[in-house]
Protein backbone atom coordinates (compact mmCIF):
# COMPACT_ATOMS: atom_id res chain seq x y z
CA MET A 1 -5.73 -29.32 80.60
CA GLN A 2 -2.01 -29.30 79.90
CA VAL A 3 -1.15 -28.32 76.31
CA LYS A 4 2.11 -30.31 76.03
CA PRO A 5 1.72 -34.08 76.57
CA ILE A 6 3.72 -35.69 79.39
CA GLN A 7 5.58 -37.89 76.87
CA ASP A 8 7.02 -34.82 75.13
CA TYR A 9 9.09 -34.14 78.26
CA TYR A 10 10.89 -37.51 77.94
CA PRO A 11 14.48 -37.28 76.64
CA ASN A 12 15.13 -38.82 73.20
CA GLU A 13 17.00 -41.82 74.64
CA LEU A 14 13.87 -42.80 76.61
CA SER A 15 11.36 -42.25 73.80
CA TYR A 16 11.19 -45.72 72.23
CA CYS A 17 8.28 -47.10 74.28
CA TYR A 18 5.82 -49.27 72.32
CA GLY A 19 2.93 -47.34 73.82
CA CYS A 20 4.05 -43.74 73.64
CA GLY A 21 7.51 -43.57 72.10
CA ARG A 22 7.82 -40.75 69.60
CA ASN A 23 11.06 -42.34 68.29
CA ASN A 24 9.46 -45.75 67.71
CA GLU A 25 7.74 -45.86 64.32
CA LYS A 26 5.62 -48.87 65.44
CA SER A 27 4.55 -47.18 68.67
CA HIS A 28 0.89 -46.37 69.33
CA HIS A 29 2.05 -42.79 70.03
CA ILE A 30 -0.24 -42.47 73.04
CA LYS A 31 -0.24 -39.00 74.60
CA SER A 32 -1.22 -38.30 78.22
CA TYR A 33 -2.21 -34.95 79.71
CA TRP A 34 -2.57 -33.75 83.29
CA ASP A 35 -6.12 -32.77 84.23
CA GLN A 36 -5.96 -31.53 87.82
CA HIS A 37 -5.44 -34.77 89.83
CA GLU A 38 -5.48 -37.36 87.06
CA THR A 39 -4.07 -38.02 83.63
CA ILE A 40 -6.20 -38.27 80.51
CA SER A 41 -5.32 -40.18 77.34
CA HIS A 42 -7.34 -40.79 74.20
CA PHE A 43 -6.73 -43.68 71.83
CA LEU A 44 -8.35 -44.41 68.49
CA PRO A 45 -7.52 -47.93 67.24
CA LYS A 46 -6.26 -48.39 63.71
CA GLU A 47 -7.86 -50.81 61.26
CA CYS A 48 -5.06 -53.32 61.96
CA ASN A 49 -6.19 -53.42 65.64
CA ILE A 50 -9.61 -54.82 64.75
CA ALA A 51 -10.21 -58.53 65.32
CA ILE A 52 -13.84 -58.83 64.21
CA SER A 53 -15.64 -56.03 62.39
CA GLY A 54 -16.02 -53.19 64.88
CA ILE A 55 -14.32 -55.01 67.78
CA VAL A 56 -10.77 -54.33 69.00
CA TYR A 57 -8.77 -57.43 69.87
CA GLY A 58 -8.52 -58.17 73.61
CA GLY A 59 -4.73 -57.93 73.81
CA LEU A 60 -4.88 -54.27 72.83
CA ILE A 61 -7.55 -53.57 75.42
CA ALA A 62 -5.41 -55.23 78.11
CA PHE A 63 -2.38 -53.23 76.96
CA LEU A 64 -4.29 -49.94 77.21
CA ILE A 65 -5.59 -50.75 80.70
CA ASP A 66 -2.08 -51.70 81.84
CA TYR A 67 -0.54 -48.65 80.21
């Protein structure tokens, strides 16, 4: 697996994405890595992403699938 995430190659002026932007303090800071012929990302929701105890709200799930 690649050591440096794909998002770390983005120039600063393009690093404000809500999903992965390192220059956006409200970003989810998602990191993606090449693994042969696919990319792999891991995401651990924060407490503020929980709708009902132990369940992530559906909008976040849709966002992650779309991302």
